[in-house]
Amino acid sequence: MLPGSSYKLGILTGLSSEARLVAPFGQVAVGGGGRAGAVLAADRLVRSGASALLSFGVAGGLAPDLPAGTLVVPKAVWVAGRRIACDDGLIEWLGGATTELIADSPHTVNGVADKQALWRQSGAAAVDLESGPLALAAEQAGLRFAVLRAICDPAGRSLPSVVQTALNPNGGISVLSLLRGIIAEPRQITAIFGLAADAARARRCLKAAMARTSRGG
């Protein structure tokens, strides 16, 4: 159970598919897979009266030994060269920390070389677009927060370029945009199928993790 019966949990996701997984656990705001949307969504959660915040969804791998589906519950978020600590009680509620850091990025980290560079710079195991804005919003408002993410694209694989352009502001995937991208660059299709399989694996792991929290472990 979430620490403290009076807690109102505010949950930030990037995608609408992630929001559906975690909707039973609190009030959800969807960032839409972009930085500006994540900042606005985090602010909405704070203004809604949330007493604790959670960053939830998929993440990109930075550490080379983390396969798709690996759960990431960090002790802190690396934002602009500094650490913002997650709440110990919320970490325990999520089953305990699995890594030291998750990195914030203002944009999607697509290429393998870019992932390697961010790993060397930050030492973080993974990266996402929402945990940084959530951590900053929590820090400013004096709220507890934590992160639960699952690796979707491992460190050794580059994201297909069409994936980012296919996202819509509501956090969904535009099938038409996806098809246009595949037609324009058919070589991406193998990578897209691989990413889809890994994303499904990550979502299953996230769903199972939240089910465990509801049972108390």
N, C-alpha and C. Protein backbone atom coordinates (compact mmCIF):
# COMPACT_ATOMS: atom_id res chain seq x y z
N MET A 1 0.85 -1.19 0.00
CA MET A 1 0.00 0.00 0.00
C MET A 1 0.88 1.24 0.00
N LEU A 2 0.41 2.28 -0.67
CA LEU A 2 1.13 3.54 -0.70
C LEU A 2 1.31 4.07 0.71
N PRO A 3 2.54 4.49 1.07
CA PRO A 3 2.79 4.96 2.44
C PRO A 3 1.84 6.09 2.84
N GLY A 4 1.10 5.87 3.89
CA GLY A 4 0.19 6.90 4.37
C GLY A 4 -1.15 6.82 3.67
N SER A 5 -2.22 6.54 4.38
CA SER A 5 -3.52 6.34 3.76
C SER A 5 -4.08 7.60 3.14
N SER A 6 -3.56 8.77 3.53
CA SER A 6 -4.09 10.03 3.02
C SER A 6 -3.39 10.49 1.75
N TYR A 7 -2.45 9.71 1.23
CA TYR A 7 -1.71 10.11 0.05
C TYR A 7 -2.62 10.18 -1.18
N LYS A 8 -2.43 11.22 -1.96
CA LYS A 8 -3.05 11.33 -3.28
C LYS A 8 -1.92 11.25 -4.29
N LEU A 9 -1.83 10.15 -5.01
CA LEU A 9 -0.71 9.92 -5.91
C LEU A 9 -0.98 10.54 -7.28
N GLY A 10 -0.04 11.37 -7.73
CA GLY A 10 -0.07 11.93 -9.07
C GLY A 10 0.98 11.22 -9.92
N ILE A 11 0.58 10.73 -11.09
CA ILE A 11 1.45 9.88 -11.90
C ILE A 11 1.65 10.52 -13.27
N LEU A 12 2.91 10.68 -13.65
CA LEU A 12 3.26 11.26 -14.95
C LEU A 12 3.75 10.17 -15.88
N THR A 13 3.13 10.07 -17.06
CA THR A 13 3.57 9.14 -18.09
C THR A 13 3.85 9.93 -19.37
N GLY A 14 4.58 9.29 -20.28
CA GLY A 14 4.79 9.91 -21.57
C GLY A 14 3.74 9.53 -22.58
N LEU A 15 3.22 8.30 -22.48
CA LEU A 15 2.33 7.74 -23.48
C LEU A 15 0.97 7.37 -22.89
N SER A 16 -0.04 7.40 -23.72
CA SER A 16 -1.38 7.05 -23.26
C SER A 16 -1.48 5.56 -22.91
N SER A 17 -0.71 4.71 -23.59
CA SER A 17 -0.71 3.28 -23.26
C SER A 17 -0.17 3.04 -21.85
N GLU A 18 0.80 3.84 -21.43
CA GLU A 18 1.32 3.74 -20.07
C GLU A 18 0.29 4.23 -19.07
N ALA A 19 -0.42 5.28 -19.43
CA ALA A 19 -1.44 5.84 -18.53
C ALA A 19 -2.52 4.81 -18.22
N ARG A 20 -2.90 4.02 -19.22
CA ARG A 20 -3.94 3.01 -18.99
C ARG A 20 -3.48 1.95 -18.00
N LEU A 21 -2.20 1.63 -18.01
CA LEU A 21 -1.67 0.62 -17.09
C LEU A 21 -1.76 1.07 -15.64
N VAL A 22 -1.54 2.34 -15.40
CA VAL A 22 -1.37 2.83 -14.03
C VAL A 22 -2.57 3.63 -13.53
N ALA A 23 -3.59 3.80 -14.35
CA ALA A 23 -4.74 4.61 -13.97
C ALA A 23 -5.41 4.20 -12.66
N PRO A 24 -5.47 2.90 -12.32
CA PRO A 24 -6.14 2.54 -11.06
C PRO A 24 -5.41 3.02 -9.81
N PHE A 25 -4.19 3.50 -9.94
CA PHE A 25 -3.38 3.81 -8.76
C PHE A 25 -3.33 5.29 -8.40
N GLY A 26 -3.92 6.15 -9.22
CA GLY A 26 -3.87 7.56 -8.90
C GLY A 26 -4.32 8.42 -10.06
N GLN A 27 -4.10 9.71 -9.91
CA GLN A 27 -4.43 10.64 -10.99
C GLN A 27 -3.28 10.68 -11.98
N VAL A 28 -3.57 10.49 -13.26
CA VAL A 28 -2.53 10.38 -14.28
C VAL A 28 -2.55 11.59 -15.20
N ALA A 29 -1.37 12.08 -15.54
CA ALA A 29 -1.20 13.12 -16.55
C ALA A 29 -0.23 12.60 -17.60
N VAL A 30 -0.56 12.79 -18.87
CA VAL A 30 0.24 12.29 -19.98
C VAL A 30 1.02 13.43 -20.61
N GLY A 31 2.34 13.25 -20.69
CA GLY A 31 3.18 14.29 -21.27
C GLY A 31 3.20 14.30 -22.78
N GLY A 32 2.87 13.16 -23.41
CA GLY A 32 2.82 13.11 -24.86
C GLY A 32 4.14 12.81 -25.53
N GLY A 33 5.15 12.40 -24.77
CA GLY A 33 6.43 12.02 -25.37
C GLY A 33 7.31 13.18 -25.75
N GLY A 34 7.02 14.37 -25.24
CA GLY A 34 7.84 15.55 -25.52
C GLY A 34 8.15 16.30 -24.25
N ARG A 35 9.19 17.11 -24.28
CA ARG A 35 9.63 17.82 -23.08
C ARG A 35 8.59 18.84 -22.61
N ALA A 36 8.09 19.66 -23.51
CA ALA A 36 7.14 20.70 -23.11
C ALA A 36 5.89 20.07 -22.50
N GLY A 37 5.41 19.00 -23.09
CA GLY A 37 4.23 18.32 -22.54
C GLY A 37 4.49 17.73 -21.18
N ALA A 38 5.69 17.20 -20.96
CA ALA A 38 6.04 16.62 -19.66
C ALA A 38 6.06 17.69 -18.58
N VAL A 39 6.62 18.85 -18.89
CA VAL A 39 6.68 19.95 -17.92
C VAL A 39 5.27 20.40 -17.54
N LEU A 40 4.41 20.58 -18.54
CA LEU A 40 3.04 21.01 -18.28
C LEU A 40 2.26 19.95 -17.48
N ALA A 41 2.47 18.69 -17.83
CA ALA A 41 1.74 17.62 -17.14
C ALA A 41 2.18 17.51 -15.68
N ALA A 42 3.49 17.66 -15.43
CA ALA A 42 3.98 17.63 -14.05
C ALA A 42 3.39 18.77 -13.23
N ASP A 43 3.30 19.93 -13.85
CA ASP A 43 2.71 21.09 -13.16
C ASP A 43 1.23 20.86 -12.86
N ARG A 44 0.52 20.23 -13.78
CA ARG A 44 -0.90 19.93 -13.54
C ARG A 44 -1.08 19.01 -12.35
N LEU A 45 -0.20 18.03 -12.22
CA LEU A 45 -0.31 17.11 -11.09
C LEU A 45 -0.09 17.83 -9.76
N VAL A 46 0.90 18.71 -9.74
CA VAL A 46 1.16 19.47 -8.51
C VAL A 46 -0.04 20.35 -8.16
N ARG A 47 -0.57 21.03 -9.16
CA ARG A 47 -1.70 21.93 -8.90
C ARG A 47 -2.99 21.18 -8.58
N SER A 48 -3.04 19.91 -8.93
CA SER A 48 -4.24 19.12 -8.64
C SER A 48 -4.34 18.74 -7.17
N GLY A 49 -3.27 18.98 -6.41
CA GLY A 49 -3.28 18.63 -4.99
C GLY A 49 -2.64 17.30 -4.67
N ALA A 50 -1.87 16.76 -5.59
CA ALA A 50 -1.18 15.49 -5.32
C ALA A 50 -0.23 15.65 -4.14
N SER A 51 -0.16 14.63 -3.31
CA SER A 51 0.75 14.67 -2.16
C SER A 51 1.98 13.81 -2.37
N ALA A 52 2.01 13.04 -3.46
CA ALA A 52 3.17 12.25 -3.85
C ALA A 52 3.12 12.08 -5.36
N LEU A 53 4.28 11.99 -5.99
CA LEU A 53 4.37 11.94 -7.45
C LEU A 53 5.16 10.71 -7.89
N LEU A 54 4.77 10.17 -9.05
CA LEU A 54 5.44 9.01 -9.60
C LEU A 54 5.65 9.21 -11.10
N SER A 55 6.87 9.00 -11.54
CA SER A 55 7.18 8.95 -12.97
C SER A 55 7.12 7.49 -13.41
N PHE A 56 6.27 7.20 -14.40
CA PHE A 56 5.96 5.81 -14.75
C PHE A 56 5.98 5.62 -16.26
N GLY A 57 6.60 4.51 -16.71
CA GLY A 57 6.55 4.19 -18.13
C GLY A 57 7.84 3.52 -18.60
N VAL A 58 8.08 3.61 -19.89
CA VAL A 58 9.26 2.99 -20.48
C VAL A 58 10.44 3.96 -20.43
N ALA A 59 11.63 3.41 -20.63
CA ALA A 59 12.85 4.20 -20.60
C ALA A 59 13.84 3.63 -21.61
N GLY A 60 14.79 4.46 -22.00
CA GLY A 60 15.88 4.00 -22.85
C GLY A 60 17.02 3.51 -22.00
N GLY A 61 17.64 2.40 -22.39
CA GLY A 61 18.76 1.88 -21.64
C GLY A 61 20.03 2.65 -21.92
N LEU A 62 20.81 2.89 -20.87
CA LEU A 62 22.14 3.48 -21.00
C LEU A 62 23.22 2.49 -20.58
N ALA A 63 23.01 1.81 -19.47
CA ALA A 63 23.95 0.77 -19.05
C ALA A 63 23.84 -0.40 -20.03
N PRO A 64 24.96 -0.91 -20.51
CA PRO A 64 24.92 -1.91 -21.59
C PRO A 64 24.41 -3.28 -21.18
N ASP A 65 24.27 -3.54 -19.89
CA ASP A 65 23.89 -4.88 -19.45
C ASP A 65 22.41 -5.01 -19.10
N LEU A 66 21.59 -4.04 -19.51
CA LEU A 66 20.17 -4.07 -19.15
C LEU A 66 19.31 -4.43 -20.35
N PRO A 67 18.71 -5.62 -20.38
CA PRO A 67 17.85 -6.00 -21.50
C PRO A 67 16.48 -5.34 -21.41
N ALA A 68 15.74 -5.42 -22.48
CA ALA A 68 14.37 -4.90 -22.49
C ALA A 68 13.55 -5.59 -21.41
N GLY A 69 12.73 -4.81 -20.73
CA GLY A 69 11.90 -5.33 -19.65
C GLY A 69 12.49 -5.15 -18.27
N THR A 70 13.77 -4.77 -18.18
CA THR A 70 14.39 -4.54 -16.87
C THR A 70 13.70 -3.39 -16.15
N LEU A 71 13.30 -3.63 -14.91
CA LEU A 71 12.67 -2.57 -14.12
C LEU A 71 13.72 -1.62 -13.56
N VAL A 72 13.42 -0.34 -13.62
CA VAL A 72 14.33 0.69 -13.14
C VAL A 72 13.61 1.48 -12.05
N VAL A 73 14.06 1.29 -10.80
CA VAL A 73 13.58 2.08 -9.66
C VAL A 73 14.82 2.75 -9.08
N PRO A 74 15.11 3.99 -9.46
CA PRO A 74 16.36 4.63 -9.05
C PRO A 74 16.27 5.28 -7.68
N LYS A 75 17.45 5.49 -7.09
CA LYS A 75 17.52 6.24 -5.84
C LYS A 75 17.43 7.74 -6.09
N ALA A 76 17.76 8.17 -7.31
CA ALA A 76 17.76 9.59 -7.61
C ALA A 76 17.64 9.81 -9.12
N VAL A 77 17.27 11.03 -9.49
CA VAL A 77 17.20 11.45 -10.89
C VAL A 77 18.34 12.43 -11.15
N TRP A 78 19.05 12.21 -12.24
CA TRP A 78 20.16 13.08 -12.64
C TRP A 78 19.60 14.15 -13.58
N VAL A 79 19.57 15.40 -13.10
CA VAL A 79 18.97 16.51 -13.84
C VAL A 79 19.98 17.65 -13.93
N ALA A 80 20.37 18.01 -15.14
CA ALA A 80 21.26 19.15 -15.37
C ALA A 80 22.52 19.06 -14.50
N GLY A 81 23.08 17.86 -14.42
CA GLY A 81 24.33 17.68 -13.71
C GLY A 81 24.23 17.53 -12.21
N ARG A 82 23.02 17.42 -11.67
CA ARG A 82 22.89 17.22 -10.23
C ARG A 82 21.86 16.14 -9.94
N ARG A 83 21.92 15.62 -8.72
CA ARG A 83 21.02 14.55 -8.29
C ARG A 83 19.85 15.13 -7.51
N ILE A 84 18.65 14.64 -7.80
CA ILE A 84 17.47 14.93 -6.97
C ILE A 84 17.00 13.59 -6.43
N ALA A 85 17.04 13.44 -5.13
CA ALA A 85 16.78 12.14 -4.50
C ALA A 85 15.30 11.78 -4.53
N CYS A 86 15.02 10.52 -4.80
CA CYS A 86 13.67 9.99 -4.69
C CYS A 86 13.36 9.68 -3.23
N ASP A 87 12.09 9.55 -2.93
CA ASP A 87 11.65 9.31 -1.55
C ASP A 87 11.84 7.85 -1.15
N ASP A 88 12.47 7.63 -0.01
CA ASP A 88 12.76 6.27 0.44
C ASP A 88 11.50 5.43 0.65
N GLY A 89 10.47 6.05 1.20
CA GLY A 89 9.24 5.31 1.45
C GLY A 89 8.56 4.86 0.16
N LEU A 90 8.55 5.72 -0.83
CA LEU A 90 7.96 5.36 -2.11
C LEU A 90 8.80 4.31 -2.82
N ILE A 91 10.12 4.42 -2.70
CA ILE A 91 11.00 3.40 -3.28
C ILE A 91 10.69 2.03 -2.67
N GLU A 92 10.53 2.00 -1.36
CA GLU A 92 10.20 0.74 -0.69
C GLU A 92 8.86 0.20 -1.17
N TRP A 93 7.88 1.09 -1.32
CA TRP A 93 6.56 0.70 -1.82
C TRP A 93 6.65 0.05 -3.20
N LEU A 94 7.60 0.52 -4.00
CA LEU A 94 7.79 -0.02 -5.35
C LEU A 94 8.65 -1.28 -5.37
N GLY A 95 9.06 -1.74 -4.20
CA GLY A 95 9.82 -2.98 -4.13
C GLY A 95 11.30 -2.81 -3.92
N GLY A 96 11.75 -1.58 -3.73
CA GLY A 96 13.16 -1.31 -3.47
C GLY A 96 13.90 -0.81 -4.71
N ALA A 97 14.95 -0.07 -4.47
CA ALA A 97 15.74 0.50 -5.57
C ALA A 97 16.45 -0.60 -6.35
N THR A 98 16.49 -0.45 -7.66
CA THR A 98 17.21 -1.38 -8.52
C THR A 98 18.47 -0.77 -9.10
N THR A 99 18.61 0.55 -8.99
CA THR A 99 19.78 1.23 -9.55
C THR A 99 19.97 2.57 -8.85
N GLU A 100 21.11 3.17 -9.06
CA GLU A 100 21.42 4.44 -8.40
C GLU A 100 20.73 5.63 -9.06
N LEU A 101 20.80 5.70 -10.40
CA LEU A 101 20.35 6.90 -11.10
C LEU A 101 19.58 6.58 -12.37
N ILE A 102 18.61 7.46 -12.69
CA ILE A 102 18.05 7.55 -14.03
C ILE A 102 18.32 8.97 -14.50
N ALA A 103 18.65 9.12 -15.78
CA ALA A 103 19.02 10.43 -16.31
C ALA A 103 17.82 11.12 -16.95
N ASP A 104 17.79 12.42 -16.80
CA ASP A 104 16.85 13.27 -17.52
C ASP A 104 17.46 13.68 -18.85
N SER A 105 16.62 13.80 -19.87
CA SER A 105 17.07 14.35 -21.15
C SER A 105 15.96 15.22 -21.71
N PRO A 106 16.30 16.38 -22.28
CA PRO A 106 15.28 17.25 -22.86
C PRO A 106 14.77 16.75 -24.21
N HIS A 107 15.39 15.72 -24.74
CA HIS A 107 14.97 15.18 -26.04
C HIS A 107 15.25 13.68 -26.05
N THR A 108 14.62 12.98 -26.97
CA THR A 108 14.82 11.54 -27.08
C THR A 108 16.27 11.24 -27.45
N VAL A 109 16.87 10.29 -26.73
CA VAL A 109 18.24 9.87 -27.01
C VAL A 109 18.15 8.67 -27.94
N ASN A 110 18.36 8.91 -29.23
CA ASN A 110 18.07 7.89 -30.24
C ASN A 110 19.22 6.94 -30.52
N GLY A 111 20.42 7.47 -30.74
CA GLY A 111 21.51 6.66 -31.25
C GLY A 111 22.33 5.97 -30.17
N VAL A 112 22.98 4.88 -30.56
CA VAL A 112 23.83 4.14 -29.63
C VAL A 112 24.96 5.01 -29.09
N ALA A 113 25.61 5.76 -29.97
CA ALA A 113 26.72 6.63 -29.54
C ALA A 113 26.24 7.69 -28.55
N ASP A 114 25.04 8.23 -28.76
CA ASP A 114 24.49 9.23 -27.84
C ASP A 114 24.18 8.61 -26.48
N LYS A 115 23.68 7.38 -26.49
CA LYS A 115 23.41 6.69 -25.23
C LYS A 115 24.71 6.43 -24.47
N GLN A 116 25.74 6.01 -25.18
CA GLN A 116 27.03 5.76 -24.54
C GLN A 116 27.60 7.04 -23.93
N ALA A 117 27.46 8.15 -24.65
CA ALA A 117 27.99 9.42 -24.15
C ALA A 117 27.26 9.85 -22.88
N LEU A 118 25.93 9.70 -22.86
CA LEU A 118 25.16 10.10 -21.68
C LEU A 118 25.46 9.18 -20.50
N TRP A 119 25.67 7.91 -20.76
CA TRP A 119 26.03 6.96 -19.70
C TRP A 119 27.36 7.35 -19.06
N ARG A 120 28.36 7.68 -19.90
CA ARG A 120 29.66 8.09 -19.36
C ARG A 120 29.55 9.40 -18.58
N GLN A 121 28.73 10.31 -19.05
CA GLN A 121 28.59 11.61 -18.41
C GLN A 121 27.86 11.52 -17.08
N SER A 122 26.77 10.73 -17.04
CA SER A 122 25.89 10.73 -15.88
C SER A 122 26.10 9.53 -14.95
N GLY A 123 26.51 8.39 -15.50
CA GLY A 123 26.56 7.16 -14.74
C GLY A 123 25.20 6.54 -14.52
N ALA A 124 24.16 7.07 -15.18
CA ALA A 124 22.80 6.58 -15.00
C ALA A 124 22.56 5.31 -15.79
N ALA A 125 21.68 4.48 -15.28
CA ALA A 125 21.37 3.21 -15.94
C ALA A 125 20.42 3.38 -17.11
N ALA A 126 19.59 4.44 -17.07
CA ALA A 126 18.55 4.62 -18.08
C ALA A 126 18.24 6.10 -18.23
N VAL A 127 17.41 6.41 -19.23
CA VAL A 127 17.06 7.80 -19.50
C VAL A 127 15.60 7.86 -19.94
N ASP A 128 14.93 8.94 -19.57
CA ASP A 128 13.58 9.19 -20.08
C ASP A 128 13.33 10.69 -20.10
N LEU A 129 12.19 11.10 -20.63
CA LEU A 129 11.87 12.52 -20.79
C LEU A 129 11.04 13.09 -19.65
N GLU A 130 10.42 12.23 -18.85
CA GLU A 130 9.46 12.71 -17.86
C GLU A 130 10.00 12.81 -16.43
N SER A 131 10.96 11.96 -16.07
CA SER A 131 11.41 11.93 -14.68
C SER A 131 12.07 13.23 -14.25
N GLY A 132 12.79 13.88 -15.15
CA GLY A 132 13.42 15.16 -14.81
C GLY A 132 12.41 16.24 -14.48
N PRO A 133 11.44 16.52 -15.39
CA PRO A 133 10.42 17.50 -15.05
C PRO A 133 9.64 17.17 -13.79
N LEU A 134 9.36 15.88 -13.57
CA LEU A 134 8.64 15.50 -12.36
C LEU A 134 9.48 15.76 -11.12
N ALA A 135 10.77 15.41 -11.17
CA ALA A 135 11.65 15.63 -10.03
C ALA A 135 11.76 17.11 -9.70
N LEU A 136 11.88 17.95 -10.72
CA LEU A 136 11.99 19.39 -10.50
C LEU A 136 10.69 19.96 -9.93
N ALA A 137 9.57 19.49 -10.44
CA ALA A 137 8.28 19.95 -9.92
C ALA A 137 8.09 19.52 -8.47
N ALA A 138 8.48 18.29 -8.15
CA ALA A 138 8.36 17.80 -6.79
C ALA A 138 9.27 18.58 -5.84
N GLU A 139 10.49 18.84 -6.30
CA GLU A 139 11.42 19.60 -5.47
C GLU A 139 10.89 20.99 -5.18
N GLN A 140 10.36 21.64 -6.18
CA GLN A 140 9.85 23.01 -5.99
C GLN A 140 8.64 23.04 -5.07
N ALA A 141 7.79 22.02 -5.18
CA ALA A 141 6.56 21.99 -4.38
C ALA A 141 6.75 21.33 -3.02
N GLY A 142 7.92 20.73 -2.78
CA GLY A 142 8.16 20.04 -1.52
C GLY A 142 7.41 18.72 -1.41
N LEU A 143 7.27 18.02 -2.54
CA LEU A 143 6.53 16.76 -2.55
C LEU A 143 7.46 15.57 -2.66
N ARG A 144 7.03 14.45 -2.14
CA ARG A 144 7.75 13.19 -2.32
C ARG A 144 7.53 12.69 -3.74
N PHE A 145 8.53 12.01 -4.28
CA PHE A 145 8.37 11.43 -5.62
C PHE A 145 9.25 10.21 -5.76
N ALA A 146 8.91 9.40 -6.76
CA ALA A 146 9.71 8.23 -7.10
C ALA A 146 9.54 7.95 -8.59
N VAL A 147 10.32 6.98 -9.07
CA VAL A 147 10.32 6.62 -10.49
C VAL A 147 10.20 5.11 -10.63
N LEU A 148 9.30 4.68 -11.50
CA LEU A 148 9.22 3.28 -11.90
C LEU A 148 9.19 3.23 -13.42
N ARG A 149 10.25 2.70 -13.98
CA ARG A 149 10.38 2.62 -15.44
C ARG A 149 10.82 1.21 -15.83
N ALA A 150 10.62 0.86 -17.09
CA ALA A 150 11.11 -0.40 -17.63
C ALA A 150 11.83 -0.13 -18.94
N ILE A 151 12.96 -0.79 -19.14
CA ILE A 151 13.75 -0.59 -20.35
C ILE A 151 12.95 -1.06 -21.56
N CYS A 152 12.86 -0.17 -22.54
CA CYS A 152 12.17 -0.47 -23.79
C CYS A 152 13.16 -0.62 -24.94
N ASP A 153 14.07 0.32 -25.07
CA ASP A 153 15.12 0.23 -26.10
C ASP A 153 16.48 0.14 -25.40
N PRO A 154 17.11 -1.02 -25.44
CA PRO A 154 18.39 -1.21 -24.75
C PRO A 154 19.48 -0.32 -25.32
N ALA A 155 20.58 -0.22 -24.56
CA ALA A 155 21.67 0.69 -24.91
C ALA A 155 22.31 0.37 -26.26
N GLY A 156 22.29 -0.87 -26.66
CA GLY A 156 22.97 -1.25 -27.88
C GLY A 156 22.15 -1.11 -29.14
N ARG A 157 20.99 -0.50 -29.06
CA ARG A 157 20.13 -0.36 -30.24
C ARG A 157 19.69 1.09 -30.43
N SER A 158 19.71 1.56 -31.66
CA SER A 158 19.22 2.90 -31.99
C SER A 158 17.72 2.85 -32.25
N LEU A 159 17.03 3.90 -31.86
CA LEU A 159 15.60 3.99 -32.12
C LEU A 159 15.35 4.32 -33.59
N PRO A 160 14.38 3.69 -34.23
CA PRO A 160 14.00 4.09 -35.58
C PRO A 160 13.50 5.54 -35.58
N SER A 161 13.92 6.32 -36.55
CA SER A 161 13.56 7.75 -36.56
C SER A 161 12.07 7.98 -36.68
N VAL A 162 11.35 7.05 -37.30
CA VAL A 162 9.92 7.23 -37.51
C VAL A 162 9.14 7.20 -36.20
N VAL A 163 9.69 6.58 -35.17
CA VAL A 163 8.95 6.42 -33.92
C VAL A 163 8.61 7.77 -33.30
N GLN A 164 9.57 8.66 -33.25
CA GLN A 164 9.34 9.95 -32.63
C GLN A 164 8.36 10.79 -33.44
N THR A 165 8.45 10.74 -34.75
CA THR A 165 7.54 11.55 -35.59
C THR A 165 6.12 11.00 -35.59
N ALA A 166 5.96 9.73 -35.21
CA ALA A 166 4.62 9.13 -35.20
C ALA A 166 3.85 9.43 -33.92
N LEU A 167 4.50 9.96 -32.89
CA LEU A 167 3.81 10.30 -31.65
C LEU A 167 2.93 11.53 -31.84
N ASN A 168 1.73 11.50 -31.25
CA ASN A 168 0.90 12.70 -31.27
C ASN A 168 0.91 13.35 -29.89
N PRO A 169 0.45 14.60 -29.76
CA PRO A 169 0.54 15.31 -28.48
C PRO A 169 -0.21 14.66 -27.33
N ASN A 170 -1.13 13.76 -27.64
CA ASN A 170 -1.88 13.08 -26.58
C ASN A 170 -1.19 11.83 -26.07
N GLY A 171 0.01 11.54 -26.61
CA GLY A 171 0.73 10.38 -26.16
C GLY A 171 0.36 9.10 -26.87
N GLY A 172 -0.33 9.21 -28.00
CA GLY A 172 -0.68 8.04 -28.80
C GLY A 172 0.19 7.95 -30.05
N ILE A 173 0.04 6.86 -30.77
CA ILE A 173 0.79 6.64 -32.00
C ILE A 173 -0.14 6.89 -33.19
N SER A 174 0.30 7.76 -34.10
CA SER A 174 -0.44 7.99 -35.33
C SER A 174 -0.07 6.91 -36.33
N VAL A 175 -1.02 6.03 -36.62
CA VAL A 175 -0.76 4.92 -37.55
C VAL A 175 -0.42 5.46 -38.93
N LEU A 176 -1.10 6.52 -39.33
CA LEU A 176 -0.85 7.11 -40.65
C LEU A 176 0.58 7.64 -40.75
N SER A 177 1.03 8.33 -39.72
CA SER A 177 2.40 8.84 -39.71
C SER A 177 3.41 7.71 -39.70
N LEU A 178 3.09 6.65 -38.96
CA LEU A 178 3.98 5.49 -38.91
C LEU A 178 4.10 4.83 -40.28
N LEU A 179 2.96 4.66 -40.96
CA LEU A 179 2.98 4.06 -42.29
C LEU A 179 3.74 4.93 -43.29
N ARG A 180 3.55 6.22 -43.20
CA ARG A 180 4.27 7.13 -44.10
C ARG A 180 5.78 7.01 -43.89
N GLY A 181 6.18 6.91 -42.63
CA GLY A 181 7.60 6.78 -42.33
C GLY A 181 8.19 5.48 -42.87
N ILE A 182 7.41 4.40 -42.73
CA ILE A 182 7.89 3.11 -43.24
C ILE A 182 8.00 3.13 -44.75
N ILE A 183 7.03 3.74 -45.42
CA ILE A 183 7.07 3.83 -46.88
C ILE A 183 8.27 4.66 -47.33
N ALA A 184 8.54 5.74 -46.59
CA ALA A 184 9.66 6.60 -46.95
C ALA A 184 11.00 5.93 -46.70
N GLU A 185 11.05 5.06 -45.67
CA GLU A 185 12.31 4.39 -45.31
C GLU A 185 12.00 2.96 -44.89
N PRO A 186 11.77 2.06 -45.87
CA PRO A 186 11.34 0.69 -45.57
C PRO A 186 12.32 -0.10 -44.71
N ARG A 187 13.59 0.29 -44.70
CA ARG A 187 14.59 -0.45 -43.93
C ARG A 187 14.32 -0.39 -42.42
N GLN A 188 13.48 0.55 -41.99
CA GLN A 188 13.19 0.69 -40.57
C GLN A 188 12.25 -0.39 -40.03
N ILE A 189 11.61 -1.12 -40.92
CA ILE A 189 10.51 -1.98 -40.47
C ILE A 189 10.98 -3.07 -39.51
N THR A 190 12.17 -3.63 -39.75
CA THR A 190 12.68 -4.67 -38.84
C THR A 190 12.91 -4.09 -37.44
N ALA A 191 13.51 -2.89 -37.40
CA ALA A 191 13.76 -2.25 -36.11
C ALA A 191 12.45 -1.88 -35.41
N ILE A 192 11.45 -1.50 -36.17
CA ILE A 192 10.16 -1.14 -35.59
C ILE A 192 9.49 -2.36 -34.95
N PHE A 193 9.54 -3.50 -35.64
CA PHE A 193 8.97 -4.72 -35.06
C PHE A 193 9.72 -5.14 -33.79
N GLY A 194 11.04 -4.99 -33.81
CA GLY A 194 11.82 -5.32 -32.62
C GLY A 194 11.48 -4.41 -31.46
N LEU A 195 11.33 -3.12 -31.75
CA LEU A 195 10.97 -2.16 -30.70
C LEU A 195 9.58 -2.45 -30.16
N ALA A 196 8.64 -2.80 -31.03
CA ALA A 196 7.28 -3.10 -30.60
C ALA A 196 7.26 -4.29 -29.64
N ALA A 197 8.05 -5.32 -29.96
CA ALA A 197 8.11 -6.49 -29.09
C ALA A 197 8.72 -6.14 -27.73
N ASP A 198 9.76 -5.33 -27.73
CA ASP A 198 10.40 -4.93 -26.48
C ASP A 198 9.51 -4.00 -25.67
N ALA A 199 8.75 -3.14 -26.36
CA ALA A 199 7.82 -2.25 -25.66
C ALA A 199 6.72 -3.07 -24.98
N ALA A 200 6.24 -4.10 -25.65
CA ALA A 200 5.23 -4.96 -25.05
C ALA A 200 5.79 -5.68 -23.82
N ARG A 201 7.04 -6.12 -23.91
CA ARG A 201 7.69 -6.77 -22.77
C ARG A 201 7.82 -5.78 -21.60
N ALA A 202 8.21 -4.55 -21.90
CA ALA A 202 8.36 -3.54 -20.85
C ALA A 202 7.02 -3.25 -20.18
N ARG A 203 5.96 -3.15 -20.98
CA ARG A 203 4.63 -2.88 -20.40
C ARG A 203 4.17 -4.02 -19.51
N ARG A 204 4.45 -5.26 -19.91
CA ARG A 204 4.08 -6.40 -19.06
C ARG A 204 4.80 -6.34 -17.72
N CYS A 205 6.06 -5.98 -17.75
CA CYS A 205 6.84 -5.89 -16.51
C CYS A 205 6.34 -4.77 -15.62
N LEU A 206 5.97 -3.65 -16.22
CA LEU A 206 5.42 -2.53 -15.45
C LEU A 206 4.08 -2.91 -14.82
N LYS A 207 3.24 -3.57 -15.59
CA LYS A 207 1.94 -3.99 -15.07
C LYS A 207 2.11 -4.95 -13.90
N ALA A 208 3.04 -5.89 -14.03
CA ALA A 208 3.29 -6.86 -12.96
C ALA A 208 3.84 -6.16 -11.72
N ALA A 209 4.70 -5.17 -11.92
CA ALA A 209 5.28 -4.44 -10.79
C ALA A 209 4.22 -3.70 -10.01
N MET A 210 3.28 -3.04 -10.72
CA MET A 210 2.24 -2.32 -10.02
C MET A 210 1.26 -3.28 -9.34
N ALA A 211 1.06 -4.45 -9.94
CA ALA A 211 0.19 -5.44 -9.28
C ALA A 211 0.81 -5.89 -7.96
N ARG A 212 2.14 -6.04 -7.94
CA ARG A 212 2.81 -6.43 -6.69
C ARG A 212 2.65 -5.36 -5.62
N THR A 213 2.74 -4.10 -6.01
CA THR A 213 2.58 -3.04 -5.00
C THR A 213 1.17 -3.06 -4.40
N SER A 214 0.18 -3.37 -5.21
CA SER A 214 -1.19 -3.40 -4.71
C SER A 214 -1.41 -4.55 -3.74
N ARG A 215 -0.59 -5.60 -3.87
CA ARG A 215 -0.68 -6.73 -2.94
C ARG A 215 0.23 -6.55 -1.73
N GLY A 216 1.02 -5.49 -1.76
CA GLY A 216 1.92 -5.23 -0.64
C GLY A 216 3.21 -5.95 -0.72
N GLY A 217 3.69 -6.31 -1.98
CA GLY A 217 4.97 -6.94 -2.10
C GLY A 217 4.97 -8.09 -3.05
